[in-house]
Amino acid sequence: MSIRINEDRCIGCGRCTEACPGNLILLQDGAAGRKAKIREVRDCWGCTACMKECPVS
């Protein structure tokens, strides 16, 4: 199982990047502002640490 980031809901706070034990999430600048992005979805452990820290779920 891996997580999926909903870019419409992401507020770019970076809490998920700090929580991810695999260092798989980064903040990326784009047209809609700073958003979280998974480096390689296949590497996600599915631990949900990022989801637990996310203020917008």
N, C-alpha and C. Protein backbone atom coordinates (compact mmCIF):
# COMPACT_ATOMS: atom_id res chain seq x y z
N MET A 1 0.83 -1.18 0.00
CA MET A 1 0.00 0.00 0.00
C MET A 1 0.88 1.25 0.00
N SER A 2 0.51 2.21 -0.78
CA SER A 2 1.21 3.49 -0.75
C SER A 2 0.16 4.60 -0.65
N ILE A 3 0.60 5.75 -0.23
CA ILE A 3 -0.32 6.88 -0.09
C ILE A 3 -0.36 7.67 -1.39
N ARG A 4 -1.38 8.51 -1.51
CA ARG A 4 -1.51 9.40 -2.66
C ARG A 4 -1.76 10.79 -2.11
N ILE A 5 -1.04 11.77 -2.60
CA ILE A 5 -1.21 13.15 -2.14
C ILE A 5 -2.23 13.85 -3.02
N ASN A 6 -3.23 14.42 -2.37
CA ASN A 6 -4.25 15.19 -3.08
C ASN A 6 -3.73 16.62 -3.20
N GLU A 7 -3.26 16.97 -4.37
CA GLU A 7 -2.64 18.28 -4.57
C GLU A 7 -3.62 19.43 -4.41
N ASP A 8 -4.91 19.17 -4.60
CA ASP A 8 -5.92 20.22 -4.42
C ASP A 8 -6.05 20.61 -2.95
N ARG A 9 -5.82 19.66 -2.05
CA ARG A 9 -5.95 19.91 -0.62
C ARG A 9 -4.64 20.30 0.05
N CYS A 10 -3.52 20.00 -0.57
CA CYS A 10 -2.21 20.27 0.02
C CYS A 10 -2.00 21.77 0.21
N ILE A 11 -1.58 22.14 1.42
CA ILE A 11 -1.31 23.56 1.72
C ILE A 11 0.19 23.87 1.75
N GLY A 12 1.02 22.86 1.47
CA GLY A 12 2.46 23.07 1.38
C GLY A 12 3.15 23.36 2.70
N CYS A 13 2.62 22.85 3.80
CA CYS A 13 3.19 23.14 5.12
C CYS A 13 4.50 22.38 5.37
N GLY A 14 4.68 21.24 4.71
CA GLY A 14 5.91 20.48 4.86
C GLY A 14 5.94 19.50 6.02
N ARG A 15 4.87 19.40 6.77
CA ARG A 15 4.86 18.48 7.91
C ARG A 15 5.05 17.03 7.46
N CYS A 16 4.50 16.69 6.31
CA CYS A 16 4.64 15.32 5.80
C CYS A 16 6.08 15.00 5.43
N THR A 17 6.81 15.99 4.93
CA THR A 17 8.20 15.76 4.55
C THR A 17 9.05 15.45 5.77
N GLU A 18 8.73 16.08 6.89
CA GLU A 18 9.46 15.84 8.14
C GLU A 18 9.07 14.49 8.76
N ALA A 19 7.83 14.07 8.57
CA ALA A 19 7.32 12.85 9.19
C ALA A 19 7.71 11.58 8.44
N CYS A 20 7.94 11.66 7.15
CA CYS A 20 8.21 10.47 6.33
C CYS A 20 9.54 9.82 6.72
N PRO A 21 9.51 8.59 7.25
CA PRO A 21 10.75 7.94 7.67
C PRO A 21 11.65 7.54 6.50
N GLY A 22 11.08 7.45 5.33
CA GLY A 22 11.87 7.07 4.16
C GLY A 22 12.36 8.26 3.35
N ASN A 23 12.07 9.48 3.83
CA ASN A 23 12.47 10.70 3.12
C ASN A 23 11.98 10.67 1.67
N LEU A 24 10.73 10.25 1.48
CA LEU A 24 10.18 10.08 0.14
C LEU A 24 9.34 11.25 -0.35
N ILE A 25 9.06 12.20 0.54
CA ILE A 25 8.19 13.31 0.16
C ILE A 25 9.00 14.60 0.13
N LEU A 26 8.75 15.40 -0.90
CA LEU A 26 9.42 16.69 -1.03
C LEU A 26 8.40 17.76 -1.34
N LEU A 27 8.76 19.00 -1.11
CA LEU A 27 7.91 20.13 -1.50
C LEU A 27 8.41 20.65 -2.82
N GLN A 28 7.48 20.83 -3.73
CA GLN A 28 7.85 21.25 -5.08
C GLN A 28 7.06 22.50 -5.45
N ASP A 29 7.74 23.50 -5.99
CA ASP A 29 7.08 24.72 -6.44
C ASP A 29 6.43 24.47 -7.79
N GLY A 30 5.23 25.00 -7.95
CA GLY A 30 4.51 24.86 -9.21
C GLY A 30 3.58 26.03 -9.41
N ALA A 31 2.74 25.94 -10.43
CA ALA A 31 1.82 27.02 -10.76
C ALA A 31 0.83 27.28 -9.62
N ALA A 32 0.48 26.24 -8.88
CA ALA A 32 -0.49 26.37 -7.78
C ALA A 32 0.20 26.64 -6.44
N GLY A 33 1.48 26.94 -6.45
CA GLY A 33 2.23 27.18 -5.22
C GLY A 33 3.01 25.94 -4.81
N ARG A 34 3.48 25.94 -3.58
CA ARG A 34 4.27 24.82 -3.05
C ARG A 34 3.36 23.67 -2.68
N LYS A 35 3.67 22.48 -3.19
CA LYS A 35 2.87 21.30 -2.93
C LYS A 35 3.77 20.12 -2.62
N ALA A 36 3.26 19.19 -1.80
CA ALA A 36 3.99 17.97 -1.50
C ALA A 36 3.91 17.01 -2.68
N LYS A 37 4.99 16.28 -2.88
CA LYS A 37 5.05 15.30 -3.96
C LYS A 37 5.87 14.10 -3.50
N ILE A 38 5.43 12.91 -3.88
CA ILE A 38 6.16 11.70 -3.53
C ILE A 38 7.25 11.48 -4.57
N ARG A 39 8.48 11.25 -4.13
CA ARG A 39 9.59 11.02 -5.06
C ARG A 39 9.33 9.80 -5.93
N GLU A 40 9.14 8.65 -5.33
CA GLU A 40 8.86 7.40 -6.03
C GLU A 40 7.75 6.66 -5.28
N VAL A 41 6.56 6.62 -5.86
CA VAL A 41 5.42 6.00 -5.20
C VAL A 41 5.71 4.55 -4.83
N ARG A 42 6.41 3.85 -5.68
CA ARG A 42 6.69 2.42 -5.43
C ARG A 42 7.55 2.21 -4.19
N ASP A 43 8.26 3.25 -3.74
CA ASP A 43 9.12 3.12 -2.57
C ASP A 43 8.38 3.39 -1.25
N CYS A 44 7.14 3.88 -1.34
CA CYS A 44 6.36 4.20 -0.14
C CYS A 44 6.07 2.93 0.64
N TRP A 45 6.31 2.98 1.95
CA TRP A 45 6.11 1.83 2.82
C TRP A 45 4.66 1.69 3.27
N GLY A 46 3.87 2.74 3.09
CA GLY A 46 2.48 2.72 3.53
C GLY A 46 2.32 2.86 5.03
N CYS A 47 3.28 3.48 5.68
CA CYS A 47 3.25 3.61 7.15
C CYS A 47 2.24 4.65 7.63
N THR A 48 1.82 5.54 6.76
CA THR A 48 0.86 6.64 7.00
C THR A 48 1.34 7.69 8.00
N ALA A 49 2.64 7.75 8.29
CA ALA A 49 3.17 8.77 9.18
C ALA A 49 2.86 10.16 8.63
N CYS A 50 2.95 10.33 7.33
CA CYS A 50 2.69 11.62 6.70
C CYS A 50 1.22 12.02 6.87
N MET A 51 0.32 11.04 6.72
CA MET A 51 -1.11 11.32 6.86
C MET A 51 -1.47 11.73 8.29
N LYS A 52 -0.79 11.15 9.25
CA LYS A 52 -1.05 11.47 10.65
C LYS A 52 -0.62 12.90 10.99
N GLU A 53 0.38 13.41 10.30
CA GLU A 53 0.88 14.77 10.55
C GLU A 53 0.17 15.83 9.72
N CYS A 54 -0.51 15.43 8.67
CA CYS A 54 -1.13 16.38 7.74
C CYS A 54 -2.33 17.09 8.38
N PRO A 55 -2.33 18.43 8.40
CA PRO A 55 -3.45 19.15 9.01
C PRO A 55 -4.72 19.14 8.15
N VAL A 56 -4.61 18.75 6.89
CA VAL A 56 -5.79 18.69 6.01
C VAL A 56 -6.11 17.26 5.59
N SER A 57 -5.50 16.31 6.26
CA SER A 57 -5.72 14.86 6.03
C SER A 57 -5.34 14.44 4.64
